[in-house]
Amino acid sequence: MTPPQEKLPVEWVSNAVIRQYFNQGNYYEKMKSGELVAYRKRNSHPDPPPKGEPFCTHSQILYYYTKEGAPVAVVHQYLRPDGKLGASGLPDPKQLILADRIVSVRTKSKE
């Protein structure tokens, strides 16, 4: 049984480390296959668009859940008007909820 999320210790890691965990866990593939469910938490329209991205690209924060409703990941992605993901072509993980800890990266504050 997984302990409640608020009681799990947080491990702060680099972008490279969290991407390694994300890729090894096949989170994106599981979401695309329907094994995980994505909920769009934020969908904004940056103006001007991010460098190298076409006009009308959306910046999105998605939460990934199991079908039972347990949270497993938080990702950021750029969704282009053609439906493809921008930047690297993959979601950028920001937080993973593992069985024994939460793996997270610090994001720069906009304040």
PDB file of N, CA and C in Angstrom:
ATOM      1  N   MET A   1       0.846  -1.183   0.000  1.00  0.00           N
ATOM      2  CA  MET A   1       0.000   0.000   0.000  1.00  0.00           C
ATOM      3  C   MET A   1       0.892   1.246   0.000  1.00  0.00           C
ATOM      4  N   THR A   2       0.585   2.193  -0.867  1.00  0.00           N
ATOM      5  CA  THR A   2       1.352   3.426  -0.963  1.00  0.00           C
ATOM      6  C   THR A   2       0.934   4.389   0.130  1.00  0.00           C
ATOM      7  N   PRO A   3       1.893   4.969   0.854  1.00  0.00           N
ATOM      8  CA  PRO A   3       1.524   5.946   1.882  1.00  0.00           C
ATOM      9  C   PRO A   3       0.895   7.184   1.258  1.00  0.00           C
ATOM     10  N   PRO A   4       0.101   7.921   2.025  1.00  0.00           N
ATOM     11  CA  PRO A   4      -0.472   9.153   1.476  1.00  0.00           C
ATOM     12  C   PRO A   4       0.629  10.048   0.930  1.00  0.00           C
ATOM     13  N   GLN A   5       0.334  10.704  -0.178  1.00  0.00           N
ATOM     14  CA  GLN A   5       1.316  11.525  -0.885  1.00  0.00           C
ATOM     15  C   GLN A   5       1.958  12.573   0.012  1.00  0.00           C
ATOM     16  N   GLU A   6       1.182  13.195   0.892  1.00  0.00           N
ATOM     17  CA  GLU A   6       1.735  14.264   1.714  1.00  0.00           C
ATOM     18  C   GLU A   6       2.746  13.752   2.742  1.00  0.00           C
ATOM     19  N   LYS A   7       2.804  12.442   2.962  1.00  0.00           N
ATOM     20  CA  LYS A   7       3.753  11.887   3.931  1.00  0.00           C
ATOM     21  C   LYS A   7       5.016  11.348   3.258  1.00  0.00           C
ATOM     22  N   LEU A   8       5.067  11.371   1.947  1.00  0.00           N
ATOM     23  CA  LEU A   8       6.245  10.882   1.242  1.00  0.00           C
ATOM     24  C   LEU A   8       7.346  11.936   1.266  1.00  0.00           C
ATOM     25  N   PRO A   9       8.606  11.510   1.445  1.00  0.00           N
ATOM     26  CA  PRO A   9       9.700  12.480   1.386  1.00  0.00           C
ATOM     27  C   PRO A   9       9.908  12.948  -0.053  1.00  0.00           C
ATOM     28  N   VAL A  10      10.403  14.171  -0.203  1.00  0.00           N
ATOM     29  CA  VAL A  10      10.660  14.739  -1.525  1.00  0.00           C
ATOM     30  C   VAL A  10      12.154  14.666  -1.803  1.00  0.00           C
ATOM     31  N   GLU A  11      12.489  14.147  -2.976  1.00  0.00           N
ATOM     32  CA  GLU A  11      13.869  14.113  -3.433  1.00  0.00           C
ATOM     33  C   GLU A  11      13.993  15.132  -4.564  1.00  0.00           C
ATOM     34  N   TRP A  12      14.784  16.171  -4.351  1.00  0.00           N
ATOM     35  CA  TRP A  12      14.983  17.200  -5.368  1.00  0.00           C
ATOM     36  C   TRP A  12      16.108  16.745  -6.286  1.00  0.00           C
ATOM     37  N   VAL A  13      15.806  16.712  -7.586  1.00  0.00           N
ATOM     38  CA  VAL A  13      16.767  16.201  -8.563  1.00  0.00           C
ATOM     39  C   VAL A  13      16.885  17.172  -9.740  1.00  0.00           C
ATOM     40  N   SER A  14      17.870  16.924 -10.588  1.00  0.00           N
ATOM     41  CA  SER A  14      18.061  17.729 -11.788  1.00  0.00           C
ATOM     42  C   SER A  14      17.060  17.304 -12.867  1.00  0.00           C
ATOM     43  N   ASN A  15      16.931  18.135 -13.891  1.00  0.00           N
ATOM     44  CA  ASN A  15      16.076  17.789 -15.030  1.00  0.00           C
ATOM     45  C   ASN A  15      16.524  16.480 -15.663  1.00  0.00           C
ATOM     46  N   ALA A  16      17.823  16.274 -15.781  1.00  0.00           N
ATOM     47  CA  ALA A  16      18.344  15.050 -16.409  1.00  0.00           C
ATOM     48  C   ALA A  16      17.939  13.802 -15.617  1.00  0.00           C
ATOM     49  N   VAL A  17      18.009  13.876 -14.294  1.00  0.00           N
ATOM     50  CA  VAL A  17      17.670  12.724 -13.455  1.00  0.00           C
ATOM     51  C   VAL A  17      16.181  12.403 -13.542  1.00  0.00           C
ATOM     52  N   ILE A  18      15.320  13.422 -13.452  1.00  0.00           N
ATOM     53  CA  ILE A  18      13.886  13.133 -13.497  1.00  0.00           C
ATOM     54  C   ILE A  18      13.475  12.611 -14.883  1.00  0.00           C
ATOM     55  N   ARG A  19      14.128  13.092 -15.931  1.00  0.00           N
ATOM     56  CA  ARG A  19      13.843  12.574 -17.273  1.00  0.00           C
ATOM     57  C   ARG A  19      14.239  11.106 -17.382  1.00  0.00           C
ATOM     58  N   GLN A  20      15.342  10.745 -16.743  1.00  0.00           N
ATOM     59  CA  GLN A  20      15.780   9.349 -16.754  1.00  0.00           C
ATOM     60  C   GLN A  20      14.730   8.459 -16.075  1.00  0.00           C
ATOM     61  N   TYR A  21      14.258   8.872 -14.893  1.00  0.00           N
ATOM     62  CA  TYR A  21      13.198   8.130 -14.202  1.00  0.00           C
ATOM     63  C   TYR A  21      11.939   8.040 -15.077  1.00  0.00           C
ATOM     64  N   PHE A  22      11.560   9.153 -15.672  1.00  0.00           N
ATOM     65  CA  PHE A  22      10.354   9.231 -16.503  1.00  0.00           C
ATOM     66  C   PHE A  22      10.462   8.280 -17.697  1.00  0.00           C
ATOM     67  N   ASN A  23      11.605   8.310 -18.368  1.00  0.00           N
ATOM     68  CA  ASN A  23      11.798   7.447 -19.535  1.00  0.00           C
ATOM     69  C   ASN A  23      11.873   5.976 -19.148  1.00  0.00           C
ATOM     70  N   GLN A  24      12.568   5.657 -18.064  1.00  0.00           N
ATOM     71  CA  GLN A  24      12.668   4.268 -17.604  1.00  0.00           C
ATOM     72  C   GLN A  24      11.309   3.715 -17.188  1.00  0.00           C
ATOM     73  N   GLY A  25      10.450   4.584 -16.644  1.00  0.00           N
ATOM     74  CA  GLY A  25       9.118   4.158 -16.219  1.00  0.00           C
ATOM     75  C   GLY A  25       8.100   4.120 -17.344  1.00  0.00           C
ATOM     76  N   ASN A  26       8.492   4.543 -18.539  1.00  0.00           N
ATOM     77  CA  ASN A  26       7.600   4.537 -19.712  1.00  0.00           C
ATOM     78  C   ASN A  26       6.285   5.282 -19.466  1.00  0.00           C
ATOM     79  N   TYR A  27       6.346   6.365 -18.718  1.00  0.00           N
ATOM     80  CA  TYR A  27       5.132   7.114 -18.374  1.00  0.00           C
ATOM     81  C   TYR A  27       4.399   7.635 -19.610  1.00  0.00           C
ATOM     82  N   TYR A  28       5.127   8.216 -20.537  1.00  0.00           N
ATOM     83  CA  TYR A  28       4.481   8.787 -21.726  1.00  0.00           C
ATOM     84  C   TYR A  28       3.839   7.686 -22.568  1.00  0.00           C
ATOM     85  N   GLU A  29       4.534   6.589 -22.744  1.00  0.00           N
ATOM     86  CA  GLU A  29       3.976   5.470 -23.505  1.00  0.00           C
ATOM     87  C   GLU A  29       2.734   4.905 -22.815  1.00  0.00           C
ATOM     88  N   LYS A  30       2.779   4.819 -21.490  1.00  0.00           N
ATOM     89  CA  LYS A  30       1.618   4.329 -20.734  1.00  0.00           C
ATOM     90  C   LYS A  30       0.433   5.276 -20.869  1.00  0.00           C
ATOM     91  N   MET A  31       0.710   6.579 -20.911  1.00  0.00           N
ATOM     92  CA  MET A  31      -0.372   7.550 -21.088  1.00  0.00           C
ATOM     93  C   MET A  31      -0.962   7.408 -22.493  1.00  0.00           C
ATOM     94  N   LYS A  32      -0.103   7.284 -23.504  1.00  0.00           N
ATOM     95  CA  LYS A  32      -0.594   7.156 -24.876  1.00  0.00           C
ATOM     96  C   LYS A  32      -1.392   5.865 -25.086  1.00  0.00           C
ATOM     97  N   SER A  33      -1.030   4.798 -24.377  1.00  0.00           N
ATOM     98  CA  SER A  33      -1.723   3.516 -24.536  1.00  0.00           C
ATOM     99  C   SER A  33      -3.009   3.441 -23.714  1.00  0.00           C
ATOM    100  N   GLY A  34      -3.224   4.419 -22.823  1.00  0.00           N
ATOM    101  CA  GLY A  34      -4.430   4.414 -22.003  1.00  0.00           C
ATOM    102  C   GLY A  34      -4.242   3.790 -20.634  1.00  0.00           C
ATOM    103  N   GLU A  35      -3.035   3.294 -20.352  1.00  0.00           N
ATOM    104  CA  GLU A  35      -2.763   2.715 -19.038  1.00  0.00           C
ATOM    105  C   GLU A  35      -2.779   3.792 -17.955  1.00  0.00           C
ATOM    106  N   LEU A  36      -2.341   5.008 -18.334  1.00  0.00           N
ATOM    107  CA  LEU A  36      -2.439   6.178 -17.462  1.00  0.00           C
ATOM    108  C   LEU A  36      -3.380   7.183 -18.110  1.00  0.00           C
ATOM    109  N   VAL A  37      -4.001   8.013 -17.295  1.00  0.00           N
ATOM    110  CA  VAL A  37      -4.937   9.028 -17.766  1.00  0.00           C
ATOM    111  C   VAL A  37      -4.311  10.400 -17.525  1.00  0.00           C
ATOM    112  N   ALA A  38      -4.387  11.278 -18.522  1.00  0.00           N
ATOM    113  CA  ALA A  38      -3.839  12.629 -18.391  1.00  0.00           C
ATOM    114  C   ALA A  38      -4.979  13.619 -18.167  1.00  0.00           C
ATOM    115  N   TYR A  39      -4.777  14.505 -17.191  1.00  0.00           N
ATOM    116  CA  TYR A  39      -5.710  15.582 -16.903  1.00  0.00           C
ATOM    117  C   TYR A  39      -4.975  16.893 -17.132  1.00  0.00           C
ATOM    118  N   ARG A  40      -5.522  17.731 -17.972  1.00  0.00           N
ATOM    119  CA  ARG A  40      -4.878  19.013 -18.272  1.00  0.00           C
ATOM    120  C   ARG A  40      -5.193  20.005 -17.161  1.00  0.00           C
ATOM    121  N   LYS A  41      -4.163  20.394 -16.439  1.00  0.00           N
ATOM    122  CA  LYS A  41      -4.307  21.330 -15.322  1.00  0.00           C
ATOM    123  C   LYS A  41      -4.229  22.777 -15.804  1.00  0.00           C
ATOM    124  N   ARG A  42      -3.325  23.018 -16.787  1.00  0.00           N
ATOM    125  CA  ARG A  42      -3.161  24.375 -17.300  1.00  0.00           C
ATOM    126  C   ARG A  42      -2.940  24.311 -18.805  1.00  0.00           C
ATOM    127  N   ASN A  43      -3.531  25.267 -19.501  1.00  0.00           N
ATOM    128  CA  ASN A  43      -3.391  25.358 -20.947  1.00  0.00           C
ATOM    129  C   ASN A  43      -3.346  26.841 -21.285  1.00  0.00           C
ATOM    130  N   SER A  44      -2.147  27.344 -21.597  1.00  0.00           N
ATOM    131  CA  SER A  44      -2.029  28.759 -21.898  1.00  0.00           C
ATOM    132  C   SER A  44      -1.458  28.954 -23.296  1.00  0.00           C
ATOM    133  N   HIS A  45      -1.645  30.149 -23.789  1.00  0.00           N
ATOM    134  CA  HIS A  45      -1.242  30.492 -25.151  1.00  0.00           C
ATOM    135  C   HIS A  45      -0.181  31.575 -25.069  1.00  0.00           C
ATOM    136  N   PRO A  46       1.112  31.187 -24.987  1.00  0.00           N
ATOM    137  CA  PRO A  46       2.163  32.197 -24.844  1.00  0.00           C
ATOM    138  C   PRO A  46       2.222  33.121 -26.059  1.00  0.00           C
ATOM    139  N   ASP A  47       2.354  34.399 -25.786  1.00  0.00           N
ATOM    140  CA  ASP A  47       2.463  35.387 -26.866  1.00  0.00           C
ATOM    141  C   ASP A  47       3.609  36.325 -26.527  1.00  0.00           C
ATOM    142  N   PRO A  48       4.709  36.266 -27.213  1.00  0.00           N
ATOM    143  CA  PRO A  48       4.980  35.471 -28.409  1.00  0.00           C
ATOM    144  C   PRO A  48       5.190  33.998 -28.056  1.00  0.00           C
ATOM    145  N   PRO A  49       5.105  33.117 -29.061  1.00  0.00           N
ATOM    146  CA  PRO A  49       5.315  31.683 -28.797  1.00  0.00           C
ATOM    147  C   PRO A  49       6.754  31.418 -28.368  1.00  0.00           C
ATOM    148  N   PRO A  50       6.988  30.300 -27.698  1.00  0.00           N
ATOM    149  CA  PRO A  50       8.353  29.952 -27.307  1.00  0.00           C
ATOM    150  C   PRO A  50       9.270  29.897 -28.527  1.00  0.00           C
ATOM    151  N   LYS A  51      10.537  30.200 -28.318  1.00  0.00           N
ATOM    152  CA  LYS A  51      11.504  30.224 -29.411  1.00  0.00           C
ATOM    153  C   LYS A  51      11.488  28.893 -30.172  1.00  0.00           C
ATOM    154  N   GLY A  52      11.367  28.994 -31.482  1.00  0.00           N
ATOM    155  CA  GLY A  52      11.371  27.811 -32.336  1.00  0.00           C
ATOM    156  C   GLY A  52      10.026  27.135 -32.497  1.00  0.00           C
ATOM    157  N   GLU A  53       8.997  27.663 -31.834  1.00  0.00           N
ATOM    158  CA  GLU A  53       7.667  27.058 -31.925  1.00  0.00           C
ATOM    159  C   GLU A  53       6.746  27.940 -32.766  1.00  0.00           C
ATOM    160  N   PRO A  54       5.818  27.320 -33.501  1.00  0.00           N
ATOM    161  CA  PRO A  54       4.919  28.111 -34.344  1.00  0.00           C
ATOM    162  C   PRO A  54       3.881  28.880 -33.525  1.00  0.00           C
ATOM    163  N   PHE A  55       3.314  29.903 -34.156  1.00  0.00           N
ATOM    164  CA  PHE A  55       2.227  30.669 -33.542  1.00  0.00           C
ATOM    165  C   PHE A  55       1.110  29.710 -33.171  1.00  0.00           C
ATOM    166  N   CYS A  56       0.469  29.960 -32.054  1.00  0.00           N
ATOM    167  CA  CYS A  56      -0.661  29.185 -31.529  1.00  0.00           C
ATOM    168  C   CYS A  56      -0.214  27.881 -30.859  1.00  0.00           C
ATOM    169  N   THR A  57       1.072  27.794 -30.489  1.00  0.00           N
ATOM    170  CA  THR A  57       1.540  26.678 -29.670  1.00  0.00           C
ATOM    171  C   THR A  57       1.073  26.921 -28.241  1.00  0.00           C
ATOM    172  N   HIS A  58       0.583  25.880 -27.585  1.00  0.00           N
ATOM    173  CA  HIS A  58       0.075  25.995 -26.220  1.00  0.00           C
ATOM    174  C   HIS A  58       1.067  25.407 -25.227  1.00  0.00           C
ATOM    175  N   SER A  59       1.218  26.090 -24.106  1.00  0.00           N
ATOM    176  CA  SER A  59       2.007  25.603 -22.985  1.00  0.00           C
ATOM    177  C   SER A  59       1.034  24.904 -22.040  1.00  0.00           C
ATOM    178  N   GLN A  60       1.311  23.639 -21.736  1.00  0.00           N
ATOM    179  CA  GLN A  60       0.370  22.861 -20.927  1.00  0.00           C
ATOM    180  C   GLN A  60       1.061  22.194 -19.742  1.00  0.00           C
ATOM    181  N   ILE A  61       0.338  22.112 -18.642  1.00  0.00           N
ATOM    182  CA  ILE A  61       0.715  21.291 -17.502  1.00  0.00           C
ATOM    183  C   ILE A  61      -0.309  20.165 -17.439  1.00  0.00           C
ATOM    184  N   LEU A  62       0.192  18.934 -17.456  1.00  0.00           N
ATOM    185  CA  LEU A  62      -0.675  17.758 -17.380  1.00  0.00           C
ATOM    186  C   LEU A  62      -0.348  16.961 -16.129  1.00  0.00           C
ATOM    187  N   TYR A  63      -1.376  16.398 -15.506  1.00  0.00           N
ATOM    188  CA  TYR A  63      -1.211  15.473 -14.392  1.00  0.00           C
ATOM    189  C   TYR A  63      -1.538  14.092 -14.934  1.00  0.00           C
ATOM    190  N   TYR A  64      -0.690  13.108 -14.670  1.00  0.00           N
ATOM    191  CA  TYR A  64      -0.938  11.721 -15.048  1.00  0.00           C
ATOM    192  C   TYR A  64      -1.437  10.975 -13.811  1.00  0.00           C
ATOM    193  N   TYR A  65      -2.483  10.176 -14.023  1.00  0.00           N
ATOM    194  CA  TYR A  65      -3.079   9.369 -12.964  1.00  0.00           C
ATOM    195  C   TYR A  65      -3.206   7.921 -13.425  1.00  0.00           C
ATOM    196  N   THR A  66      -3.252   6.998 -12.463  1.00  0.00           N
ATOM    197  CA  THR A  66      -3.621   5.630 -12.780  1.00  0.00           C
ATOM    198  C   THR A  66      -5.119   5.627 -13.063  1.00  0.00           C
ATOM    199  N   LYS A  67      -5.617   4.561 -13.617  1.00  0.00           N
ATOM    200  CA  LYS A  67      -7.060   4.454 -13.857  1.00  0.00           C
ATOM    201  C   LYS A  67      -7.840   4.467 -12.551  1.00  0.00           C
ATOM    202  N   GLU A  68      -7.168   4.105 -11.459  1.00  0.00           N
ATOM    203  CA  GLU A  68      -7.811   4.116 -10.136  1.00  0.00           C
ATOM    204  C   GLU A  68      -7.793   5.506  -9.508  1.00  0.00           C
ATOM    205  N   GLY A  69      -7.132   6.455 -10.159  1.00  0.00           N
ATOM    206  CA  GLY A  69      -7.122   7.824  -9.671  1.00  0.00           C
ATOM    207  C   GLY A  69      -5.928   8.218  -8.836  1.00  0.00           C
ATOM    208  N   ALA A  70      -4.920   7.370  -8.752  1.00  0.00           N
ATOM    209  CA  ALA A  70      -3.716   7.709  -7.988  1.00  0.00           C
ATOM    210  C   ALA A  70      -2.796   8.574  -8.849  1.00  0.00           C
ATOM    211  N   PRO A  71      -2.313   9.702  -8.310  1.00  0.00           N
ATOM    212  CA  PRO A  71      -1.415  10.558  -9.090  1.00  0.00           C
ATOM    213  C   PRO A  71      -0.052   9.882  -9.256  1.00  0.00           C
ATOM    214  N   VAL A  72       0.539  10.037 -10.459  1.00  0.00           N
ATOM    215  CA  VAL A  72       1.853   9.439 -10.696  1.00  0.00           C
ATOM    216  C   VAL A  72       2.862  10.417 -11.283  1.00  0.00           C
ATOM    217  N   ALA A  73       2.409  11.487 -11.964  1.00  0.00           N
ATOM    218  CA  ALA A  73       3.367  12.393 -12.595  1.00  0.00           C
ATOM    219  C   ALA A  73       2.733  13.741 -12.896  1.00  0.00           C
ATOM    220  N   VAL A  74       3.597  14.755 -12.976  1.00  0.00           N
ATOM    221  CA  VAL A  74       3.231  16.093 -13.449  1.00  0.00           C
ATOM    222  C   VAL A  74       4.235  16.425 -14.547  1.00  0.00           C
ATOM    223  N   VAL A  75       3.722  16.824 -15.713  1.00  0.00           N
ATOM    224  CA  VAL A  75       4.605  17.139 -16.838  1.00  0.00           C
ATOM    225  C   VAL A  75       4.226  18.481 -17.455  1.00  0.00           C
ATOM    226  N   HIS A  76       5.195  19.084 -18.139  1.00  0.00           N
ATOM    227  CA  HIS A  76       4.947  20.269 -18.954  1.00  0.00           C
ATOM    228  C   HIS A  76       5.185  19.877 -20.396  1.00  0.00           C
ATOM    229  N   GLN A  77       4.388  20.443 -21.301  1.00  0.00           N
ATOM    230  CA  GLN A  77       4.607  20.191 -22.723  1.00  0.00           C
ATOM    231  C   GLN A  77       4.136  21.379 -23.536  1.00  0.00           C
ATOM    232  N   TYR A  78       4.716  21.495 -24.722  1.00  0.00           N
ATOM    233  CA  TYR A  78       4.259  22.464 -25.705  1.00  0.00           C
ATOM    234  C   TYR A  78       3.478  21.693 -26.752  1.00  0.00           C
ATOM    235  N   LEU A  79       2.222  22.057 -26.936  1.00  0.00           N
ATOM    236  CA  LEU A  79       1.380  21.413 -27.937  1.00  0.00           C
ATOM    237  C   LEU A  79       1.238  22.345 -29.130  1.00  0.00           C
ATOM    238  N   ARG A  80       1.742  21.894 -30.251  1.00  0.00           N
ATOM    239  CA  ARG A  80       1.698  22.688 -31.478  1.00  0.00           C
ATOM    240  C   ARG A  80       0.308  22.621 -32.099  1.00  0.00           C
ATOM    241  N   PRO A  81       0.000  23.560 -32.990  1.00  0.00           N
ATOM    242  CA  PRO A  81      -1.316  23.571 -33.636  1.00  0.00           C
ATOM    243  C   PRO A  81      -1.626  22.290 -34.426  1.00  0.00           C
ATOM    244  N   ASP A  82      -0.571  21.601 -34.903  1.00  0.00           N
ATOM    245  CA  ASP A  82      -0.790  20.366 -35.664  1.00  0.00           C
ATOM    246  C   ASP A  82      -0.999  19.146 -34.773  1.00  0.00           C
ATOM    247  N   GLY A  83      -0.999  19.357 -33.442  1.00  0.00           N
ATOM    248  CA  GLY A  83      -1.235  18.265 -32.503  1.00  0.00           C
ATOM    249  C   GLY A  83       0.026  17.553 -32.042  1.00  0.00           C
ATOM    250  N   LYS A  84       1.174  17.917 -32.598  1.00  0.00           N
ATOM    251  CA  LYS A  84       2.434  17.307 -32.193  1.00  0.00           C
ATOM    252  C   LYS A  84       3.017  18.076 -31.022  1.00  0.00           C
ATOM    253  N   LEU A  85       3.865  17.392 -30.240  1.00  0.00           N
ATOM    254  CA  LEU A  85       4.527  18.050 -29.128  1.00  0.00           C
ATOM    255  C   LEU A  85       5.745  18.803 -29.633  1.00  0.00           C
ATOM    256  N   GLY A  86       5.933  20.006 -29.111  1.00  0.00           N
ATOM    257  CA  GLY A  86       7.060  20.843 -29.494  1.00  0.00           C
ATOM    258  C   GLY A  86       8.286  20.551 -28.664  1.00  0.00           C
ATOM    259  N   ALA A  87       9.257  21.435 -28.769  1.00  0.00           N
ATOM    260  CA  ALA A  87      10.556  21.333 -28.087  1.00  0.00           C
ATOM    261  C   ALA A  87      11.203  19.997 -28.437  1.00  0.00           C
ATOM    262  N   SER A  88      11.384  19.108 -27.468  1.00  0.00           N
ATOM    263  CA  SER A  88      12.043  17.818 -27.723  1.00  0.00           C
ATOM    264  C   SER A  88      11.111  16.805 -28.380  1.00  0.00           C
ATOM    265  N   GLY A  89       9.815  17.111 -28.413  1.00  0.00           N
ATOM    266  CA  GLY A  89       8.838  16.150 -28.921  1.00  0.00           C
ATOM    267  C   GLY A  89       8.314  15.223 -27.839  1.00  0.00           C
ATOM    268  N   LEU A  90       8.730  15.474 -26.603  1.00  0.00           N
ATOM    269  CA  LEU A  90       8.291  14.663 -25.458  1.00  0.00           C
ATOM    270  C   LEU A  90       7.867  15.567 -24.316  1.00  0.00           C
ATOM    271  N   PRO A  91       7.001  15.075 -23.426  1.00  0.00           N
ATOM    272  CA  PRO A  91       6.666  15.862 -22.239  1.00  0.00           C
ATOM    273  C   PRO A  91       7.913  16.049 -21.371  1.00  0.00           C
ATOM    274  N   ASP A  92       7.941  17.131 -20.620  1.00  0.00           N
ATOM    275  CA  ASP A  92       9.040  17.439 -19.723  1.00  0.00           C
ATOM    276  C   ASP A  92       8.562  17.182 -18.294  1.00  0.00           C
ATOM    277  N   PRO A  93       9.005  16.080 -17.665  1.00  0.00           N
ATOM    278  CA  PRO A  93       8.514  15.760 -16.315  1.00  0.00           C
ATOM    279  C   PRO A  93       8.989  16.764 -15.281  1.00  0.00           C
ATOM    280  N   LYS A  94       8.098  17.093 -14.368  1.00  0.00           N
ATOM    281  CA  LYS A  94       8.407  18.016 -13.273  1.00  0.00           C
ATOM    282  C   LYS A  94       8.316  17.336 -11.914  1.00  0.00           C
ATOM    283  N   GLN A  95       7.471  16.282 -11.836  1.00  0.00           N
ATOM    284  CA  GLN A  95       7.308  15.579 -10.572  1.00  0.00           C
ATOM    285  C   GLN A  95       6.843  14.153 -10.854  1.00  0.00           C
ATOM    286  N   LEU A  96       7.410  13.191 -10.124  1.00  0.00           N
ATOM    287  CA  LEU A  96       6.992  11.794 -10.195  1.00  0.00           C
ATOM    288  C   LEU A  96       6.663  11.327  -8.790  1.00  0.00           C
ATOM    289  N   ILE A  97       5.525  10.680  -8.621  1.00  0.00           N
ATOM    290  CA  ILE A  97       5.135  10.148  -7.324  1.00  0.00           C
ATOM    291  C   ILE A  97       5.429   8.660  -7.361  1.00  0.00           C
ATOM    292  N   LEU A  98       6.490   8.269  -6.681  1.00  0.00           N
ATOM    293  CA  LEU A  98       6.913   6.877  -6.623  1.00  0.00           C
ATOM    294  C   LEU A  98       6.364   6.237  -5.359  1.00  0.00           C
ATOM    295  N   ALA A  99       6.584   4.943  -5.208  1.00  0.00           N
ATOM    296  CA  ALA A  99       6.050   4.231  -4.043  1.00  0.00           C
ATOM    297  C   ALA A  99       6.647   4.733  -2.733  1.00  0.00           C
ATOM    298  N   ASP A 100       7.937   5.131  -2.760  1.00  0.00           N
ATOM    299  CA  ASP A 100       8.615   5.490  -1.518  1.00  0.00           C
ATOM    300  C   ASP A 100       8.994   6.957  -1.391  1.00  0.00           C
ATOM    301  N   ARG A 101       8.785   7.752  -2.472  1.00  0.00           N
ATOM    302  CA  ARG A 101       9.168   9.158  -2.419  1.00  0.00           C
ATOM    303  C   ARG A 101       8.570   9.915  -3.600  1.00  0.00           C
ATOM    304  N   ILE A 102       8.658  11.226  -3.503  1.00  0.00           N
ATOM    305  CA  ILE A 102       8.272  12.097  -4.611  1.00  0.00           C
ATOM    306  C   ILE A 102       9.565  12.655  -5.182  1.00  0.00           C
ATOM    307  N   VAL A 103       9.755  12.467  -6.478  1.00  0.00           N
ATOM    308  CA  VAL A 103      10.928  12.988  -7.172  1.00  0.00           C
ATOM    309  C   VAL A 103      10.472  14.255  -7.879  1.00  0.00           C
ATOM    310  N   SER A 104      11.171  15.362  -7.639  1.00  0.00           N
ATOM    311  CA  SER A 104      10.718  16.640  -8.157  1.00  0.00           C
ATOM    312  C   SER A 104      11.890  17.520  -8.568  1.00  0.00           C
ATOM    313  N   VAL A 105      11.629  18.428  -9.532  1.00  0.00           N
ATOM    314  CA  VAL A 105      12.617  19.447  -9.908  1.00  0.00           C
ATOM    315  C   VAL A 105      12.071  20.794  -9.474  1.00  0.00           C
ATOM    316  N   ARG A 106      12.966  21.680  -9.160  1.00  0.00           N
ATOM    317  CA  ARG A 106      12.549  23.031  -8.812  1.00  0.00           C
ATOM    318  C   ARG A 106      12.369  23.813 -10.091  1.00  0.00           C
ATOM    319  N   THR A 107      11.280  24.575 -10.170  1.00  0.00           N
ATOM    320  CA  THR A 107      11.060  25.428 -11.333  1.00  0.00           C
ATOM    321  C   THR A 107      11.320  26.855 -10.906  1.00  0.00           C
ATOM    322  N   LYS A 108      11.754  27.658 -11.849  1.00  0.00           N
ATOM    323  CA  LYS A 108      12.026  29.060 -11.553  1.00  0.00           C
ATOM    324  C   LYS A 108      10.718  29.788 -11.278  1.00  0.00           C
ATOM    325  N   SER A 109      10.724  30.594 -10.264  1.00  0.00           N
ATOM    326  CA  SER A 109       9.547  31.383  -9.916  1.00  0.00           C
ATOM    327  C   SER A 109       9.377  32.521 -10.905  1.00  0.00           C
ATOM    328  N   LYS A 110       8.134  32.866 -11.207  1.00  0.00           N
ATOM    329  CA  LYS A 110       7.844  33.976 -12.102  1.00  0.00           C
ATOM    330  C   LYS A 110       7.729  35.285 -11.335  1.00  0.00           C
ATOM    331  N   GLU A 111       7.944  35.240 -10.028  1.00  0.00           N
ATOM    332  CA  GLU A 111       7.821  36.450  -9.208  1.00  0.00           C
ATOM    333  C   GLU A 111       9.084  37.272  -9.236  1.00  0.00           C
TER     334      GLU A 111
END
